C-alpha atoms as a PDB file:
ATOM      1  CA  UNK A   1      62.203 155.697-121.921  1.00  0.00           C
ATOM      2  CA  UNK A   2      64.157 154.998-118.791  1.00  0.00           C
ATOM      3  CA  UNK A   3      61.632 156.835-116.776  1.00  0.00           C
ATOM      4  CA  UNK A   4      58.834 154.752-118.324  1.00  0.00           C
ATOM      5  CA  UNK A   5      60.761 151.652-117.567  1.00  0.00           C
ATOM      6  CA  UNK A   6      61.296 152.343-113.991  1.00  0.00           C
ATOM      7  CA  UNK A   7      57.300 153.204-114.018  1.00  0.00           C
ATOM      8  CA  UNK A   8      56.541 149.806-115.147  1.00  0.00           C
ATOM      9  CA  UNK A   9      58.764 148.287-112.524  1.00  0.00           C
ATOM     10  CA  UNK A  10      57.801 150.476-109.732  1.00  0.00           C
ATOM     11  CA  UNK A  11      54.188 149.767-110.465  1.00  0.00           C
ATOM     12  CA  UNK A  12      54.665 145.856-110.731  1.00  0.00           C
ATOM     13  CA  UNK A  13      56.515 145.704-107.382  1.00  0.00           C
ATOM     14  CA  UNK A  14      53.721 147.878-105.527  1.00  0.00           C
ATOM     15  CA  UNK A  15      51.222 145.826-107.453  1.00  0.00           C
ATOM     16  CA  UNK A  16      52.206 142.843-106.524  1.00  0.00           C
ATOM     17  CA  UNK A  17      52.695 143.650-102.964  1.00  0.00           C
ATOM     18  CA  UNK A  18      49.388 145.487-102.641  1.00  0.00           C
ATOM     19  CA  UNK A  19      47.352 142.893-104.265  1.00  0.00           C
ATOM     20  CA  UNK A  20      48.792 140.537-101.941  1.00  0.00           C
ATOM     21  CA  UNK A  21      47.706 142.330 -98.927  1.00  0.00           C
ATOM     22  CA  UNK A  22      44.388 143.003-100.549  1.00  0.00           C
ATOM     23  CA  UNK A  23      43.455 139.099-100.718  1.00  0.00           C
ATOM     24  CA  UNK A  24      44.947 138.545 -97.382  1.00  0.00           C
ATOM     25  CA  UNK A  25      42.702 141.440 -95.686  1.00  0.00           C
ATOM     26  CA  UNK A  26      39.625 140.512 -98.006  1.00  0.00           C
ATOM     27  CA  UNK A  27      39.663 136.784 -96.828  1.00  0.00           C
ATOM     28  CA  UNK A  28      40.307 137.918 -93.380  1.00  0.00           C
ATOM     29  CA  UNK A  29      37.323 140.014 -93.007  1.00  0.00           C
ATOM     30  CA  UNK A  30      35.332 137.548 -94.952  1.00  0.00           C
ATOM     31  CA  UNK A  31      36.365 135.185 -92.130  1.00  0.00           C
ATOM     32  CA  UNK A  32      35.681 137.535 -89.360  1.00  0.00           C
ATOM     33  CA  UNK A  33      32.216 138.176 -90.996  1.00  0.00           C
ATOM     34  CA  UNK A  34      31.594 133.974 -90.503  1.00  0.00           C
ATOM     35  CA  UNK A  35      31.363 133.650 -94.049  1.00  0.00           C
ATOM     36  CA  UNK A  36      32.007 130.200 -95.436  1.00  0.00           C
ATOM     37  CA  UNK A  37      35.536 129.085 -95.904  1.00  0.00           C
ATOM     38  CA  UNK A  38      34.240 127.609 -99.169  1.00  0.00           C
ATOM     39  CA  UNK A  39      33.024 130.870-100.362  1.00  0.00           C
ATOM     40  CA  UNK A  40      36.390 132.333 -99.448  1.00  0.00           C
ATOM     41  CA  UNK A  41      38.451 129.909-101.296  1.00  0.00           C
ATOM     42  CA  UNK A  42      36.185 129.878-104.554  1.00  0.00           C
ATOM     43  CA  UNK A  43      35.137 133.671-104.611  1.00  0.00           C
ATOM     44  CA  UNK A  44      36.955 136.062-102.080  1.00  0.00           C
ATOM     45  CA  UNK A  45      40.402 135.082-103.056  1.00  0.00           C
ATOM     46  CA  UNK A  46      39.422 134.505-106.709  1.00  0.00           C
ATOM     47  CA  UNK A  47      38.248 137.915-106.851  1.00  0.00           C
ATOM     48  CA  UNK A  48      40.937 139.505-104.743  1.00  0.00           C
ATOM     49  CA  UNK A  49      43.488 138.448-107.175  1.00  0.00           C
ATOM     50  CA  UNK A  50      41.716 139.642-109.880  1.00  0.00           C
ATOM     51  CA  UNK A  51      41.756 142.996-108.401  1.00  0.00           C
ATOM     52  CA  UNK A  52      44.831 144.215-110.440  1.00  0.00           C
ATOM     53  CA  UNK A  53      43.518 143.228-113.882  1.00  0.00           C
ATOM     54  CA  UNK A  54      40.234 144.999-112.744  1.00  0.00           C
ATOM     55  CA  UNK A  55      41.747 148.483-111.801  1.00  0.00           C
ATOM     56  CA  UNK A  56      44.520 148.156-114.495  1.00  0.00           C
ATOM     57  CA  UNK A  57      42.116 147.252-117.392  1.00  0.00           C
ATOM     58  CA  UNK A  58      39.074 149.853-115.874  1.00  0.00           C
ATOM     59  CA  UNK A  59      41.852 152.914-115.724  1.00  0.00           C
ATOM     60  CA  UNK A  60      42.905 151.953-119.494  1.00  0.00           C
ATOM     61  CA  UNK A  61      39.452 151.558-120.971  1.00  0.00           C
ATOM     62  CA  UNK A  62      38.486 154.723-119.197  1.00  0.00           C
ATOM     63  CA  UNK A  63      41.664 156.532-121.000  1.00  0.00           C
ATOM     64  CA  UNK A  64      40.387 154.959-124.239  1.00  0.00           C
ATOM     65  CA  UNK A  65      43.135 152.405-124.552  1.00  0.00           C
ATOM     66  CA  UNK A  66      40.521 149.378-124.760  1.00  0.00           C
ATOM     67  CA  UNK A  67      43.252 147.132-126.848  1.00  0.00           C
ATOM     68  CA  UNK A  68      45.502 147.457-124.042  1.00  0.00           C
ATOM     69  CA  UNK A  69      42.462 146.600-121.628  1.00  0.00           C
ATOM     70  CA  UNK A  70      41.272 143.836-123.641  1.00  0.00           C
ATOM     71  CA  UNK A  71      44.937 142.480-124.133  1.00  0.00           C
ATOM     72  CA  UNK A  72      45.377 142.452-120.164  1.00  0.00           C
ATOM     73  CA  UNK A  73      42.627 140.354-119.516  1.00  0.00           C
ATOM     74  CA  UNK A  74      43.466 137.736-122.460  1.00  0.00           C
ATOM     75  CA  UNK A  75      47.015 137.758-121.325  1.00  0.00           C
ATOM     76  CA  UNK A  76      46.186 137.384-117.753  1.00  0.00           C
ATOM     77  CA  UNK A  77      43.959 134.645-118.511  1.00  0.00           C
ATOM     78  CA  UNK A  78      46.590 132.913-120.602  1.00  0.00           C
ATOM     79  CA  UNK A  79      49.293 133.202-118.010  1.00  0.00           C
ATOM     80  CA  UNK A  80      47.255 131.863-115.379  1.00  0.00           C
ATOM     81  CA  UNK A  81      46.590 128.401-116.744  1.00  0.00           C
ATOM     82  CA  UNK A  82      50.334 128.362-118.368  1.00  0.00           C
ATOM     83  CA  UNK A  83      52.925 130.303-116.356  1.00  0.00           C
ATOM     84  CA  UNK A  84      51.342 130.409-113.020  1.00  0.00           C
ATOM     85  CA  UNK A  85      49.897 127.023-113.219  1.00  0.00           C
ATOM     86  CA  UNK A  86      53.105 125.324-114.748  1.00  0.00           C
ATOM     87  CA  UNK A  87      55.390 127.172-111.958  1.00  0.00           C
ATOM     88  CA  UNK A  88      53.178 125.921-108.881  1.00  0.00           C
ATOM     89  CA  UNK A  89      53.292 122.641-110.730  1.00  0.00           C
ATOM     90  CA  UNK A  90      57.129 122.497-110.457  1.00  0.00           C
ATOM     91  CA  UNK A  91      56.978 123.321-107.009  1.00  0.00           C
ATOM     92  CA  UNK A  92      54.573 120.618-105.893  1.00  0.00           C
ATOM     93  CA  UNK A  93      52.273 118.323-108.369  1.00  0.00           C
ATOM     94  CA  UNK A  94      48.515 119.947-108.405  1.00  0.00           C
ATOM     95  CA  UNK A  95      46.296 117.229-106.947  1.00  0.00           C
ATOM     96  CA  UNK A  96      42.829 117.758-107.102  1.00  0.00           C
ATOM     97  CA  UNK A  97      40.941 116.243-104.359  1.00  0.00           C
ATOM     98  CA  UNK A  98      37.791 118.421-103.995  1.00  0.00           C
ATOM     99  CA  UNK A  99      34.538 119.107-106.170  1.00  0.00           C
ATOM    100  CA  UNK A 100      36.379 122.633-107.073  1.00  0.00           C
ATOM    101  CA  UNK A 101      37.607 121.324-110.507  1.00  0.00           C
ATOM    102  CA  UNK A 102      33.703 119.730-111.001  1.00  0.00           C
ATOM    103  CA  UNK A 103      32.153 122.853-109.957  1.00  0.00           C
ATOM    104  CA  UNK A 104      34.111 125.804-111.234  1.00  0.00           C
ATOM    105  CA  UNK A 105      36.042 124.507-114.095  1.00  0.00           C
ATOM    106  CA  UNK A 106      33.033 124.295-116.723  1.00  0.00           C
ATOM    107  CA  UNK A 107      31.959 127.773-115.324  1.00  0.00           C
ATOM    108  CA  UNK A 108      35.182 129.503-115.822  1.00  0.00           C
ATOM    109  CA  UNK A 109      35.743 128.301-119.323  1.00  0.00           C
ATOM    110  CA  UNK A 110      32.141 128.827-120.289  1.00  0.00           C
ATOM    111  CA  UNK A 111      32.974 132.594-119.335  1.00  0.00           C
ATOM    112  CA  UNK A 112      36.015 132.856-121.188  1.00  0.00           C
ATOM    113  CA  UNK A 113      34.051 131.262-124.116  1.00  0.00           C
ATOM    114  CA  UNK A 114      31.623 134.188-123.802  1.00  0.00           C
ATOM    115  CA  UNK A 115      34.149 136.552-123.485  1.00  0.00           C
ATOM    116  CA  UNK A 116      36.030 135.531-126.656  1.00  0.00           C
ATOM    117  CA  UNK A 117      32.610 135.323-128.490  1.00  0.00           C
ATOM    118  CA  UNK A 118      31.435 138.868-127.579  1.00  0.00           C
ATOM    119  CA  UNK A 119      34.969 140.828-128.316  1.00  0.00           C
ATOM    120  CA  UNK A 120      34.577 139.451-131.949  1.00  0.00           C
ATOM    121  CA  UNK A 121      32.292 142.795-132.645  1.00  0.00           C
ATOM    122  CA  UNK A 122      34.183 145.126-130.129  1.00  0.00           C
ATOM    123  CA  UNK A 123      32.800 145.412-126.933  1.00  0.00           C
ATOM    124  CA  UNK A 124      29.477 147.247-126.150  1.00  0.00           C
ATOM    125  CA  UNK A 125      27.629 148.188-122.973  1.00  0.00           C
ATOM    126  CA  UNK A 126      25.225 145.721-123.873  1.00  0.00           C
ATOM    127  CA  UNK A 127      28.241 143.125-123.814  1.00  0.00           C
ATOM    128  CA  UNK A 128      28.959 144.232-120.669  1.00  0.00           C
ATOM    129  CA  UNK A 129      25.704 143.397-119.322  1.00  0.00           C
ATOM    130  CA  UNK A 130      25.501 140.060-120.829  1.00  0.00           C
ATOM    131  CA  UNK A 131      29.026 139.395-119.096  1.00  0.00           C
ATOM    132  CA  UNK A 132      27.861 140.740-115.647  1.00  0.00           C
ATOM    133  CA  UNK A 133      24.711 138.374-116.028  1.00  0.00           C
ATOM    134  CA  UNK A 134      27.316 135.473-116.904  1.00  0.00           C
ATOM    135  CA  UNK A 135      29.580 136.287-113.900  1.00  0.00           C
ATOM    136  CA  UNK A 136      26.393 136.492-111.328  1.00  0.00           C
ATOM    137  CA  UNK A 137      24.986 133.544-112.650  1.00  0.00           C
ATOM    138  CA  UNK A 138      28.312 131.361-112.056  1.00  0.00           C
ATOM    139  CA  UNK A 139      28.848 132.888-108.621  1.00  0.00           C
ATOM    140  CA  UNK A 140      25.268 132.063-107.912  1.00  0.00           C
ATOM    141  CA  UNK A 141      25.926 128.374-108.727  1.00  0.00           C
ATOM    142  CA  UNK A 142      29.063 127.968-107.017  1.00  0.00           C
ATOM    143  CA  UNK A 143      27.708 129.622-103.786  1.00  0.00           C
ATOM    144  CA  UNK A 144      24.417 127.338-104.095  1.00  0.00           C
ATOM    145  CA  UNK A 145      26.793 124.037-104.426  1.00  0.00           C
ATOM    146  CA  UNK A 146      29.274 125.427-101.990  1.00  0.00           C
ATOM    147  CA  UNK A 147      26.493 124.451 -99.382  1.00  0.00           C
ATOM    148  CA  UNK A 148      27.241 121.077 -99.520  1.00  0.00           C
ATOM    149  CA  UNK A 149      30.626 121.451 -97.775  1.00  0.00           C
ATOM    150  CA  UNK A 150      33.892 120.857 -99.230  1.00  0.00           C
ATOM    151  CA  UNK A 151      36.349 119.784 -96.232  1.00  0.00           C
ATOM    152  CA  UNK A 152      39.695 119.410 -98.173  1.00  0.00           C
ATOM    153  CA  UNK A 153      39.314 123.168 -99.577  1.00  0.00           C
ATOM    154  CA  UNK A 154      37.667 124.050 -96.138  1.00  0.00           C
ATOM    155  CA  UNK A 155      40.900 123.110 -94.300  1.00  0.00           C
ATOM    156  CA  UNK A 156      43.214 124.459 -97.219  1.00  0.00           C
ATOM    157  CA  UNK A 157      41.401 128.045 -96.785  1.00  0.00           C
ATOM    158  CA  UNK A 158      41.254 127.626 -93.172  1.00  0.00           C
ATOM    159  CA  UNK A 159      45.412 127.154 -93.274  1.00  0.00           C
ATOM    160  CA  UNK A 160      45.830 130.107 -95.742  1.00  0.00           C
ATOM    161  CA  UNK A 161      44.143 132.708 -93.223  1.00  0.00           C
ATOM    162  CA  UNK A 162      46.650 131.714 -90.716  1.00  0.00           C
ATOM    163  CA  UNK A 163      44.318 133.447 -87.989  1.00  0.00           C
ATOM    164  CA  UNK A 164      40.988 131.596 -87.004  1.00  0.00           C
ATOM    165  CA  UNK A 165      39.666 135.096 -85.391  1.00  0.00           C
ATOM    166  CA  UNK A 166      41.353 138.336 -87.013  1.00  0.00           C
ATOM    167  CA  UNK A 167      40.754 141.613 -85.841  1.00  0.00           C
ATOM    168  CA  UNK A 168      38.061 143.359 -87.910  1.00  0.00           C
ATOM    169  CA  UNK A 169      39.133 146.658 -87.839  1.00  0.00           C
ATOM    170  CA  UNK A 170      42.723 145.957 -88.385  1.00  0.00           C
ATOM    171  CA  UNK A 171      41.860 143.653 -91.505  1.00  0.00           C
ATOM    172  CA  UNK A 172      39.145 146.280 -93.016  1.00  0.00           C
ATOM    173  CA  UNK A 173      42.132 148.708 -92.602  1.00  0.00           C
ATOM    174  CA  UNK A 174      44.467 146.471 -94.237  1.00  0.00           C
ATOM    175  CA  UNK A 175      42.290 145.946 -97.356  1.00  0.00           C
ATOM    176  CA  UNK A 176      41.182 149.615 -97.704  1.00  0.00           C
ATOM    177  CA  UNK A 177      44.858 150.882 -97.611  1.00  0.00           C
ATOM    178  CA  UNK A 178      45.840 147.868-100.324  1.00  0.00           C
ATOM    179  CA  UNK A 179      43.148 148.727-102.580  1.00  0.00           C
ATOM    180  CA  UNK A 180      44.132 152.219-102.576  1.00  0.00           C
ATOM    181  CA  UNK A 181      47.921 151.049-103.372  1.00  0.00           C
ATOM    182  CA  UNK A 182      46.496 148.893-106.222  1.00  0.00           C
ATOM    183  CA  UNK A 183      44.729 151.724-108.076  1.00  0.00           C
ATOM    184  CA  UNK A 184      47.794 153.941-107.362  1.00  0.00           C
ATOM    185  CA  UNK A 185      50.187 151.382-108.720  1.00  0.00           C
ATOM    186  CA  UNK A 186      47.744 150.549-111.695  1.00  0.00           C
ATOM    187  CA  UNK A 187      47.824 154.092-112.646  1.00  0.00           C
ATOM    188  CA  UNK A 188      51.498 154.364-112.912  1.00  0.00           C
ATOM    189  CA  UNK A 189      51.719 150.934-114.439  1.00  0.00           C
ATOM    190  CA  UNK A 190      48.962 151.915-117.358  1.00  0.00           C
ATOM    191  CA  UNK A 191      51.020 155.297-118.189  1.00  0.00           C
ATOM    192  CA  UNK A 192      54.320 153.804-118.014  1.00  0.00           C
ATOM    193  CA  UNK A 193      53.477 150.963-120.305  1.00  0.00           C
ATOM    194  CA  UNK A 194      51.476 153.077-122.837  1.00  0.00           C
ATOM    195  CA  UNK A 195      54.847 155.467-122.942  1.00  0.00           C
ATOM    196  CA  UNK A 196      56.902 152.493-123.834  1.00  0.00           C
ATOM    197  CA  UNK A 197      54.520 151.220-126.611  1.00  0.00           C
ATOM    198  CA  UNK A 198      54.547 154.498-128.351  1.00  0.00           C
ATOM    199  CA  UNK A 199      58.213 155.032-127.610  1.00  0.00           C
ATOM    200  CA  UNK A 200      58.947 151.579-129.249  1.00  0.00           C
ATOM    201  CA  UNK A 201      56.179 151.489-131.845  1.00  0.00           C
ATOM    202  CA  UNK A 202      54.625 148.773-130.332  1.00  0.00           C
ATOM    203  CA  UNK A 203      50.909 148.014-130.582  1.00  0.00           C
ATOM    204  CA  UNK A 204      48.833 148.713-127.287  1.00  0.00           C
ATOM    205  CA  UNK A 205      47.136 145.349-127.368  1.00  0.00           C
ATOM    206  CA  UNK A 206      50.649 143.565-127.349  1.00  0.00           C
ATOM    207  CA  UNK A 207      51.713 145.564-124.606  1.00  0.00           C
ATOM    208  CA  UNK A 208      48.525 144.431-122.618  1.00  0.00           C
ATOM    209  CA  UNK A 209      48.726 140.832-123.760  1.00  0.00           C
ATOM    210  CA  UNK A 210      52.463 140.854-122.535  1.00  0.00           C
ATOM    211  CA  UNK A 211      54.025 143.255-120.201  1.00  0.00           C
ATOM    212  CA  UNK A 212      50.767 144.317-118.445  1.00  0.00           C
ATOM    213  CA  UNK A 213      49.595 141.156-118.247  1.00  0.00           C
ATOM    214  CA  UNK A 214      52.295 139.255-116.418  1.00  0.00           C
ATOM    215  CA  UNK A 215      52.554 141.919-114.010  1.00  0.00           C
ATOM    216  CA  UNK A 216      48.897 141.728-112.966  1.00  0.00           C
ATOM    217  CA  UNK A 217      49.151 137.819-113.072  1.00  0.00           C
ATOM    218  CA  UNK A 218      51.888 138.207-110.051  1.00  0.00           C
ATOM    219  CA  UNK A 219      49.173 138.239-107.384  1.00  0.00           C
ATOM    220  CA  UNK A 220      48.074 134.846-108.724  1.00  0.00           C
ATOM    221  CA  UNK A 221      51.824 133.609-109.113  1.00  0.00           C
ATOM    222  CA  UNK A 222      52.746 134.533-105.612  1.00  0.00           C
ATOM    223  CA  UNK A 223      49.423 132.802-103.939  1.00  0.00           C
ATOM    224  CA  UNK A 224      50.015 129.621-105.968  1.00  0.00           C
ATOM    225  CA  UNK A 225      53.444 129.238-105.208  1.00  0.00           C
ATOM    226  CA  UNK A 226      52.821 129.767-101.475  1.00  0.00           C
ATOM    227  CA  UNK A 227      49.804 127.352-101.704  1.00  0.00           C
ATOM    228  CA  UNK A 228      52.296 124.576-103.559  1.00  0.00           C
ATOM    229  CA  UNK A 229      54.739 124.575-100.967  1.00  0.00           C
ATOM    230  CA  UNK A 230      52.026 124.333 -98.377  1.00  0.00           C
ATOM    231  CA  UNK A 231      50.420 121.311-100.270  1.00  0.00           C
ATOM    232  CA  UNK A 232      47.454 123.537-100.639  1.00  0.00           C
ATOM    233  CA  UNK A 233      46.649 122.305-104.067  1.00  0.00           C
ATOM    234  CA  UNK A 234      42.827 122.674-104.176  1.00  0.00           C
ATOM    235  CA  UNK A 235      43.372 126.304-103.237  1.00  0.00           C
ATOM    236  CA  UNK A 236      45.593 127.036-106.493  1.00  0.00           C
ATOM    237  CA  UNK A 237      42.645 125.204-108.671  1.00  0.00           C
ATOM    238  CA  UNK A 238      40.116 127.371-107.004  1.00  0.00           C
ATOM    239  CA  UNK A 239      42.092 130.532-107.197  1.00  0.00           C
ATOM    240  CA  UNK A 240      43.278 130.110-110.882  1.00  0.00           C
ATOM    241  CA  UNK A 241      39.720 129.054-112.201  1.00  0.00           C
ATOM    242  CA  UNK A 242      38.105 131.906-110.031  1.00  0.00           C
ATOM    243  CA  UNK A 243      40.083 134.646-111.183  1.00  0.00           C
ATOM    244  CA  UNK A 244      39.869 133.606-114.932  1.00  0.00           C
ATOM    245  CA  UNK A 245      36.313 133.584-114.242  1.00  0.00           C
ATOM    246  CA  UNK A 246      36.673 137.172-112.733  1.00  0.00           C
ATOM    247  CA  UNK A 247      38.364 138.562-115.244  1.00  0.00           C
ATOM    248  CA  UNK A 248      35.924 137.289-118.179  1.00  0.00           C
ATOM    249  CA  UNK A 249      32.884 138.732-116.440  1.00  0.00           C
ATOM    250  CA  UNK A 250      33.948 141.426-114.070  1.00  0.00           C
ATOM    251  CA  UNK A 251      36.844 142.931-116.009  1.00  0.00           C
ATOM    252  CA  UNK A 252      35.173 142.224-119.332  1.00  0.00           C
ATOM    253  CA  UNK A 253      32.091 143.790-118.016  1.00  0.00           C
ATOM    254  CA  UNK A 254      33.945 146.981-116.145  1.00  0.00           C
ATOM    255  CA  UNK A 255      36.136 147.443-119.538  1.00  0.00           C
ATOM    256  CA  UNK A 256      32.498 147.166-121.836  1.00  0.00           C
ATOM    257  CA  UNK A 257      31.193 149.923-119.561  1.00  0.00           C
ATOM    258  CA  UNK A 258      34.299 152.347-118.851  1.00  0.00           C
ATOM    259  CA  UNK A 259      35.254 152.210-122.571  1.00  0.00           C
ATOM    260  CA  UNK A 260      32.746 150.714-125.355  1.00  0.00           C
ATOM    261  CA  UNK A 261      34.934 149.835-128.719  1.00  0.00           C
ATOM    262  CA  UNK A 262      33.268 149.249-132.171  1.00  0.00           C
ATOM    263  CA  UNK A 263      36.226 147.274-132.979  1.00  0.00           C
ATOM    264  CA  UNK A 264      39.402 145.877-131.442  1.00  0.00           C
ATOM    265  CA  UNK A 265      42.693 144.649-132.895  1.00  0.00           C
ATOM    266  CA  UNK A 266      42.207 141.930-134.796  1.00  0.00           C
ATOM    267  CA  UNK A 267      44.960 139.860-133.780  1.00  0.00           C
ATOM    268  CA  UNK A 268      43.108 140.240-129.888  1.00  0.00           C
ATOM    269  CA  UNK A 269      39.948 139.323-131.061  1.00  0.00           C
ATOM    270  CA  UNK A 270      41.509 136.740-133.273  1.00  0.00           C
ATOM    271  CA  UNK A 271      44.734 134.510-132.457  1.00  0.00           C
ATOM    272  CA  UNK A 272      44.968 135.680-128.821  1.00  0.00           C
ATOM    273  CA  UNK A 273      41.353 134.791-128.211  1.00  0.00           C
ATOM    274  CA  UNK A 274      41.965 131.543-129.708  1.00  0.00           C
ATOM    275  CA  UNK A 275      44.662 130.899-127.889  1.00  0.00           C
ATOM    276  CA  UNK A 276      43.255 132.041-124.417  1.00  0.00           C
ATOM    277  CA  UNK A 277      40.178 129.017-125.174  1.00  0.00           C
ATOM    278  CA  UNK A 278      42.613 126.701-126.577  1.00  0.00           C
ATOM    279  CA  UNK A 279      44.874 127.078-123.328  1.00  0.00           C
ATOM    280  CA  UNK A 280      41.522 126.734-121.323  1.00  0.00           C
ATOM    281  CA  UNK A 281      40.784 123.601-122.719  1.00  0.00           C
ATOM    282  CA  UNK A 282      44.226 122.049-122.730  1.00  0.00           C
ATOM    283  CA  UNK A 283      44.811 122.972-118.900  1.00  0.00           C
ATOM    284  CA  UNK A 284      40.962 121.623-118.176  1.00  0.00           C
ATOM    285  CA  UNK A 285      42.122 118.643-119.484  1.00  0.00           C
ATOM    286  CA  UNK A 286      45.444 118.235-117.688  1.00  0.00           C
ATOM    287  CA  UNK A 287      43.477 118.851-114.507  1.00  0.00           C
ATOM    288  CA  UNK A 288      40.895 116.001-115.169  1.00  0.00           C
ATOM    289  CA  UNK A 289      43.357 113.193-116.242  1.00  0.00           C
ATOM    290  CA  UNK A 290      44.165 111.671-113.019  1.00  0.00           C
ATOM    291  CA  UNK A 291      42.829 114.654-111.121  1.00  0.00           C
ATOM    292  CA  UNK A 292      45.952 116.284-110.824  1.00  0.00           C
ATOM    293  CA  UNK A 293      48.449 118.429-112.727  1.00  0.00           C
ATOM    294  CA  UNK A 294      52.103 116.526-112.901  1.00  0.00           C
ATOM    295  CA  UNK A 295      55.442 118.393-112.945  1.00  0.00           C
ATOM    296  CA  UNK A 296      55.905 117.216-116.931  1.00  0.00           C
ATOM    297  CA  UNK A 297      52.391 118.858-117.551  1.00  0.00           C
ATOM    298  CA  UNK A 298      53.578 121.929-115.769  1.00  0.00           C
ATOM    299  CA  UNK A 299      56.611 121.999-118.318  1.00  0.00           C
ATOM    300  CA  UNK A 300      54.366 121.701-121.073  1.00  0.00           C
ATOM    301  CA  UNK A 301      52.567 124.694-119.949  1.00  0.00           C
ATOM    302  CA  UNK A 302      55.229 126.610-119.361  1.00  0.00           C
ATOM    303  CA  UNK A 303      56.823 126.079-122.857  1.00  0.00           C
ATOM    304  CA  UNK A 304      53.396 126.414-124.482  1.00  0.00           C
ATOM    305  CA  UNK A 305      53.389 130.103-122.667  1.00  0.00           C
ATOM    306  CA  UNK A 306      56.870 130.586-124.010  1.00  0.00           C
ATOM    307  CA  UNK A 307      55.903 129.753-127.340  1.00  0.00           C
ATOM    308  CA  UNK A 308      52.493 131.633-127.612  1.00  0.00           C
ATOM    309  CA  UNK A 309      54.180 134.785-126.238  1.00  0.00           C
ATOM    310  CA  UNK A 310      55.534 136.277-129.207  1.00  0.00           C
ATOM    311  CA  UNK A 311      52.367 136.030-131.182  1.00  0.00           C
ATOM    312  CA  UNK A 312      49.954 137.342-128.574  1.00  0.00           C
ATOM    313  CA  UNK A 313      48.595 140.827-129.866  1.00  0.00           C
ATOM    314  CA  UNK A 314      50.588 141.115-133.130  1.00  0.00           C
END
């Protein structure tokens, strides 16, 4: 038991650091290849911070632990729009001045709703294909819409990258090594979390939606706090909405392909999925009202997460 707890802590620490380095490296590689800063902010960073969910859930599904994999997706999506957004709003009110909200919020929520509906009957290969199509369609819309430009978000992404012309070879090395570290950390985390669940008699879905999901959401939390300190609030919204979009579309499809399942834990497909969608709607309302998430709303999101936590996956 102590070894499993140590494994979880070690896995979380390594996962957080490696994922952060992966995001930085991937974003700088994209910048070196002259990819639009709008695409970097809306797609690359959002995908990068979802790398832990992708690897952890993919490995879990491949091991036949689909409840843990799906629980991680649901828990991460909930944590992004409550824990992460709430903490960031406590650091600084999240003001949304760009078109990020209008462009990504409906697509992110639509992907989350699609994922919630598809898991009602388990996750089949067909479901995975549908989620992949939803993801590709959403990314196409985002990239096409980004051609019009978004000076505010572009400026924030440039400040986040810190280097105008990063050496491509160095950043490629950083990205590859960080991805390898993410995979190793994810494997340690999945095995250790599974051992804890078995020892304590906890459902795998509950462990996935709580312990594992919080751990895989730490990169989003670190990125959001850093951006909030710099008042790069558009980047926060784009990151969180992009992360939820990738969690539902990319991670959901990977889980379906790696470990198709006829049925899931009813509490995951029921209450947990409903909470995921409901919190997505509430967070969107907070963002739209005054185009900002105030500190008081951040407190509401944090309290909501703490209240919902005991019911997730049970």
